[in-house]
Amino acid sequence: MCRLLALAALWLGCAGVNGQPLPVRIASLNVCTDQLLLLLVDPARITSLSLLASDSDYSNLAARAAGVPANRGQADELLSQQADLVLTSEFSGTLTARLLQRLGQRVERLGFATSVDEVWQQIRQVAAWTGGDASALIDPAAARVAVAQRRLREQLSGKTALFLSSNGVAFGAGTLQDDFLRSSGLRNLATEAGVSGAAPLALELLVAARPDYLIAEPRGALDRQLAHPLLLHPALARQPQQLLILRDRWFDCAGPWIAEAYESLAAQVTLP
């Protein structure tokens, strides 16, 4: 693999995936590709990141993104930056991405990671597109995940849990949250209730399921009105489940921060 010790090396024939030359100038339209770029390439090669890259509510690397130019997802500004590669999600910036492609710009897209294995796969994919060192990110994070998983499965096997996000949305089959719970030894009650992907879960089902653990994002000032009114319902207050706090941004985008989610879970359930 070509080493990214200097930009000059890229001009000397270092080849990327499918024999394409590695890009020197790279832009991102999505907070997930923003973060992988920041981890895998020299900031001097990044022409711009999305506006969410420097927002700590959405990005795990907001501080690192602070000095990198931001874009508003418009095709004209991306064209003016003359990037060799534009990264985005399959679900965001789609109109801009299609227009850039019609104008001859190289655009690559990532989907949602639905398992820890897919997290590592996406890191490898962006590394292949950009010439980054995937192993340097994956190996230490995967080792941390493996240690935490072993501890969690020993203590939590057979217990039940449920991710509950804004407006009562739960995460069922085919989500990273589902893989996270099952790989920790927990039963995902959303999946058992027939939820596929992210979808609202009726309060009646939640009360009847009586999960051992409810998992939610840290609460903010407006949560009583907007984000987590379901968690404040008196019917839930009378139930014995433990509320665990895990950041949504650990699951929204593929990255080594998935290890933080496992370790935070282990700390909150007070494993020995």
Protein backbone atom coordinates (compact mmCIF):
# COMPACT_ATOMS: atom_id res chain seq x y z
CA MET A 1 0.00 0.00 0.00
CA CYS A 2 1.22 3.43 -0.89
CA ARG A 3 2.33 5.50 2.07
CA LEU A 4 0.81 8.91 2.56
CA LEU A 5 3.95 10.58 3.79
CA ALA A 6 3.69 13.47 1.37
CA LEU A 7 1.39 14.68 -1.35
CA ALA A 8 4.15 14.29 -3.87
CA ALA A 9 3.96 10.53 -3.52
CA LEU A 10 0.49 10.60 -5.01
CA TRP A 11 1.79 12.14 -8.20
CA LEU A 12 4.36 9.38 -8.68
CA GLY A 13 1.91 6.71 -9.73
CA CYS A 14 0.49 5.41 -6.48
CA ALA A 15 -2.65 3.57 -7.59
CA GLY A 16 -5.92 3.24 -5.75
CA VAL A 17 -8.85 0.86 -6.13
CA ASN A 18 -9.36 -0.68 -9.59
CA GLY A 19 -6.11 0.87 -10.75
CA GLN A 20 -7.40 4.44 -10.52
CA PRO A 21 -4.84 7.02 -9.37
CA LEU A 22 -5.26 8.03 -5.77
CA PRO A 23 -7.02 11.37 -5.42
CA VAL A 24 -5.02 14.35 -4.22
CA ARG A 25 -8.00 16.60 -3.46
CA ILE A 26 -11.04 15.10 -1.70
CA ALA A 27 -14.36 16.59 -0.59
CA SER A 28 -17.15 15.15 1.54
CA LEU A 29 -20.89 15.88 1.57
CA ASN A 30 -21.86 13.72 4.54
CA VAL A 31 -20.90 13.67 8.22
CA CYS A 32 -19.99 9.96 8.06
CA THR A 33 -17.57 10.35 5.17
CA ASP A 34 -16.33 13.58 6.79
CA GLN A 35 -15.11 11.65 9.80
CA LEU A 36 -13.48 8.81 7.89
CA LEU A 37 -11.63 11.35 5.75
CA LEU A 38 -10.34 13.10 8.87
CA LEU A 39 -9.07 9.77 10.21
CA LEU A 40 -7.55 8.43 7.01
CA VAL A 41 -5.99 11.30 5.06
CA ASP A 42 -3.82 14.36 5.62
CA PRO A 43 -6.10 17.40 6.16
CA ALA A 44 -4.17 19.19 3.41
CA ARG A 45 -5.86 16.85 0.91
CA ILE A 46 -9.40 17.70 2.09
CA THR A 47 -10.93 20.52 0.07
CA SER A 48 -14.07 20.69 2.23
CA LEU A 49 -16.32 18.80 4.63
CA SER A 50 -20.04 19.04 5.32
CA LEU A 51 -21.38 21.63 7.76
CA LEU A 52 -22.08 18.88 10.32
CA ALA A 53 -18.42 17.88 10.49
CA SER A 54 -17.72 20.48 13.19
CA ASP A 55 -20.98 19.90 15.12
CA SER A 56 -20.28 17.78 18.21
CA ASP A 57 -23.91 16.62 18.36
CA TYR A 58 -23.36 14.69 15.13
CA SER A 59 -19.62 14.25 14.68
CA ASN A 60 -17.18 12.36 16.86
CA LEU A 61 -14.36 14.50 15.43
CA ALA A 62 -15.84 17.98 15.63
CA ALA A 63 -12.71 19.52 17.12
CA ARG A 64 -10.50 18.02 14.42
CA ALA A 65 -12.80 19.37 11.69
CA ALA A 66 -12.73 22.93 12.99
CA GLY A 67 -9.89 24.07 10.75
CA VAL A 68 -11.13 22.41 7.55
CA PRO A 69 -13.29 24.39 5.07
CA ALA A 70 -17.00 23.53 5.05
CA ASN A 71 -19.36 23.14 2.10
CA ARG A 72 -23.13 23.53 1.88
CA GLY A 73 -23.62 20.55 -0.40
CA GLN A 74 -24.01 22.62 -3.58
CA ALA A 75 -22.64 21.34 -6.87
CA ASP A 76 -21.22 24.71 -7.94
CA GLU A 77 -19.05 25.10 -4.85
CA LEU A 78 -17.79 21.51 -5.15
CA LEU A 79 -16.88 22.07 -8.80
CA SER A 80 -15.01 25.25 -7.92
CA GLN A 81 -12.89 23.28 -5.43
CA GLN A 82 -11.72 20.93 -8.21
CA ALA A 83 -11.75 17.85 -6.03
CA ASP A 84 -10.56 14.59 -7.58
CA LEU A 85 -13.00 12.64 -5.43
CA VAL A 86 -16.26 13.49 -3.68
CA LEU A 87 -17.49 11.20 -0.90
CA THR A 88 -21.05 11.06 0.35
CA SER A 89 -23.77 8.78 1.67
CA GLU A 90 -26.22 6.80 -0.42
CA PHE A 91 -28.95 8.75 1.38
CA SER A 92 -27.71 12.35 1.47
CA GLY A 93 -26.58 14.89 -1.08
CA THR A 94 -28.07 12.71 -3.80
CA LEU A 95 -29.05 15.47 -6.23
CA THR A 96 -25.66 17.13 -5.93
CA ALA A 97 -23.88 13.80 -6.28
CA ARG A 98 -25.80 12.87 -9.45
CA LEU A 99 -25.15 16.30 -10.98
CA LEU A 100 -21.43 16.09 -10.20
CA GLN A 101 -21.27 12.66 -11.82
CA ARG A 102 -23.00 13.92 -14.96
CA LEU A 103 -20.34 16.63 -15.12
CA GLY A 104 -17.56 14.06 -14.95
CA GLN A 105 -16.74 14.25 -11.25
CA ARG A 106 -15.80 11.05 -9.43
CA VAL A 107 -18.30 10.38 -6.62
CA GLU A 108 -18.24 7.44 -4.20
CA ARG A 109 -21.00 6.57 -1.74
CA LEU A 110 -21.33 4.72 1.56
CA GLY A 111 -24.46 3.10 2.95
CA PHE A 112 -25.37 2.58 6.60
CA ALA A 113 -23.26 0.01 8.45
CA THR A 114 -25.62 -2.59 9.93
CA SER A 115 -23.04 -4.62 11.86
CA VAL A 116 -19.62 -4.22 13.43
CA ASP A 117 -18.14 -6.21 10.54
CA GLU A 118 -19.65 -3.67 8.14
CA VAL A 119 -18.11 -0.85 10.19
CA TRP A 120 -14.67 -2.31 9.53
CA GLN A 121 -15.60 -2.95 5.89
CA GLN A 122 -16.55 0.69 5.37
CA ILE A 123 -13.31 1.91 6.89
CA ARG A 124 -11.41 -0.39 4.50
CA GLN A 125 -13.48 0.88 1.58
CA VAL A 126 -12.72 4.56 2.24
CA ALA A 127 -9.06 3.67 2.82
CA ALA A 128 -8.98 1.96 -0.57
CA TRP A 129 -10.50 5.02 -2.25
CA THR A 130 -8.13 7.45 -0.55
CA GLY A 131 -4.94 5.49 0.17
CA GLY A 132 -5.38 5.58 3.94
CA ASP A 133 -4.18 2.98 6.44
CA ALA A 134 -7.29 1.05 7.50
CA SER A 135 -5.43 -1.36 9.77
CA ALA A 136 -4.16 1.46 11.96
CA LEU A 137 -7.78 2.35 12.74
CA ILE A 138 -9.39 -1.07 12.79
CA ASP A 139 -6.90 -3.24 14.68
CA PRO A 140 -6.88 -1.39 18.04
CA ALA A 141 -10.63 -0.69 17.90
CA ALA A 142 -11.47 -4.30 17.04
CA ALA A 143 -9.32 -5.53 19.93
CA ARG A 144 -11.19 -3.23 22.34
CA VAL A 145 -14.55 -4.40 20.97
CA ALA A 146 -13.59 -8.07 21.37
CA VAL A 147 -12.58 -7.58 25.02
CA ALA A 148 -15.78 -5.69 25.84
CA GLN A 149 -17.99 -8.21 24.02
CA ARG A 150 -16.56 -11.11 26.01
CA ARG A 151 -17.19 -9.32 29.30
CA LEU A 152 -20.68 -8.25 28.30
CA ARG A 153 -21.80 -11.67 27.06
CA GLU A 154 -20.68 -13.30 30.30
CA GLN A 155 -22.84 -10.93 32.36
CA LEU A 156 -25.78 -10.02 30.12
CA SER A 157 -26.61 -13.19 28.22
CA GLY A 158 -30.39 -13.56 27.88
CA LYS A 159 -31.28 -10.14 29.29
CA THR A 160 -33.40 -7.77 27.23
CA ALA A 161 -32.77 -4.28 25.95
CA LEU A 162 -34.17 -1.66 23.63
CA PHE A 163 -32.73 1.40 21.90
CA LEU A 164 -35.20 4.27 22.07
CA SER A 165 -34.36 7.34 20.03
CA SER A 166 -36.12 10.65 19.40
CA ASN A 167 -39.92 10.51 19.17
CA GLY A 168 -40.10 6.90 20.34
CA VAL A 169 -38.16 5.41 17.41
CA ALA A 170 -36.71 1.98 18.15
CA PHE A 171 -34.04 0.06 16.23
CA GLY A 172 -34.87 -3.44 15.08
CA ALA A 173 -33.49 -5.99 12.62
CA GLY A 174 -30.96 -4.81 10.08
CA THR A 175 -29.47 -2.02 12.20
CA LEU A 176 -26.10 -1.52 13.84
CA GLN A 177 -27.91 -1.12 17.16
CA ASP A 178 -29.42 -4.60 16.78
CA ASP A 179 -26.03 -6.14 16.02
CA PHE A 180 -24.55 -4.26 18.98
CA LEU A 181 -27.14 -5.65 21.40
CA ARG A 182 -26.97 -9.21 20.13
CA SER A 183 -23.16 -9.26 20.10
CA SER A 184 -23.28 -8.08 23.74
CA GLY A 185 -25.44 -11.05 24.72
CA LEU A 186 -28.67 -9.04 24.91
CA ARG A 187 -32.02 -9.75 23.29
CA ASN A 188 -33.31 -6.83 21.22
CA LEU A 189 -36.99 -6.48 22.09
CA ALA A 190 -37.60 -4.22 19.06
CA THR A 191 -36.52 -7.03 16.74
CA GLU A 192 -38.61 -9.54 18.67
CA ALA A 193 -41.59 -7.18 18.29
CA GLY A 194 -41.16 -7.29 14.51
CA VAL A 195 -39.44 -3.92 14.02
CA SER A 196 -37.19 -3.79 10.97
CA GLY A 197 -34.82 -0.88 10.63
CA ALA A 198 -35.71 2.24 12.58
CA ALA A 199 -39.41 2.68 13.34
CA PRO A 200 -41.70 4.01 16.11
CA LEU A 201 -42.56 1.53 18.86
CA ALA A 202 -45.97 1.84 20.52
CA LEU A 203 -45.91 2.65 24.23
CA GLU A 204 -48.18 -0.34 24.89
CA LEU A 205 -45.62 -2.70 23.36
CA LEU A 206 -42.82 -1.09 25.29
CA VAL A 207 -44.65 -1.42 28.60
CA ALA A 208 -45.66 -5.02 27.89
CA ALA A 209 -42.11 -6.01 26.87
CA ARG A 210 -40.62 -4.85 30.20
CA PRO A 211 -36.99 -4.61 28.99
CA ASP A 212 -34.17 -4.95 31.49
CA TYR A 213 -32.43 -1.97 29.87
CA LEU A 214 -33.58 1.08 27.91
CA ILE A 215 -30.86 2.80 25.91
CA ALA A 216 -31.17 6.44 24.89
CA GLU A 217 -29.19 9.50 23.83
CA PRO A 218 -28.25 11.98 26.60
CA ARG A 219 -31.19 14.26 27.27
CA GLY A 220 -31.16 17.91 26.31
CA ALA A 221 -33.04 21.02 27.37
CA LEU A 222 -35.91 20.49 24.90
CA ASP A 223 -36.37 16.76 25.43
CA ARG A 224 -39.59 17.15 27.40
CA GLN A 225 -41.17 18.77 24.33
CA LEU A 226 -39.32 17.13 21.46
CA ALA A 227 -36.94 14.25 21.83
CA HIS A 228 -37.83 11.78 24.56
CA PRO A 229 -41.36 12.35 25.86
CA LEU A 230 -41.89 8.59 25.88
CA LEU A 231 -39.15 8.16 28.49
CA LEU A 232 -41.01 10.54 30.78
CA HIS A 233 -44.31 8.65 30.60
CA PRO A 234 -45.61 7.55 34.06
CA ALA A 235 -46.15 3.99 32.80
CA LEU A 236 -42.42 3.65 32.18
CA ALA A 237 -41.52 5.34 35.44
CA ARG A 238 -43.26 2.51 37.29
CA GLN A 239 -41.14 -0.14 35.55
CA PRO A 240 -37.82 -1.40 36.92
CA GLN A 241 -35.71 -1.13 33.74
CA GLN A 242 -32.33 0.58 33.92
CA LEU A 243 -31.80 3.57 31.65
CA LEU A 244 -28.43 3.53 29.89
CA ILE A 245 -26.99 6.52 28.04
CA LEU A 246 -25.19 5.88 24.74
CA ARG A 247 -24.51 8.53 22.10
CA ASP A 248 -26.41 8.23 18.82
CA ARG A 249 -23.32 9.39 16.94
CA TRP A 250 -21.48 6.20 17.96
CA PHE A 251 -23.96 4.30 15.78
CA ASP A 252 -24.89 6.78 13.06
CA CYS A 253 -21.55 6.51 11.25
CA ALA A 254 -19.00 3.74 10.78
CA GLY A 255 -15.81 4.38 12.72
CA PRO A 256 -13.57 3.19 15.55
CA TRP A 257 -15.84 4.94 18.08
CA ILE A 258 -18.02 1.82 18.10
CA ALA A 259 -15.49 0.57 20.66
CA GLU A 260 -16.53 3.47 22.93
CA ALA A 261 -20.13 2.26 22.77
CA TYR A 262 -19.22 -1.23 23.99
CA GLU A 263 -16.98 0.12 26.72
CA SER A 264 -19.61 2.61 27.87
CA LEU A 265 -22.21 -0.14 28.03
CA ALA A 266 -19.87 -2.28 30.13
CA ALA A 267 -19.17 0.62 32.49
CA GLN A 268 -22.85 1.46 32.98
CA VAL A 269 -23.93 -2.07 33.77
CA THR A 270 -21.04 -2.17 36.26
CA LEU A 271 -19.31 -5.30 35.06
CA PRO A 272 -16.48 -6.56 37.30
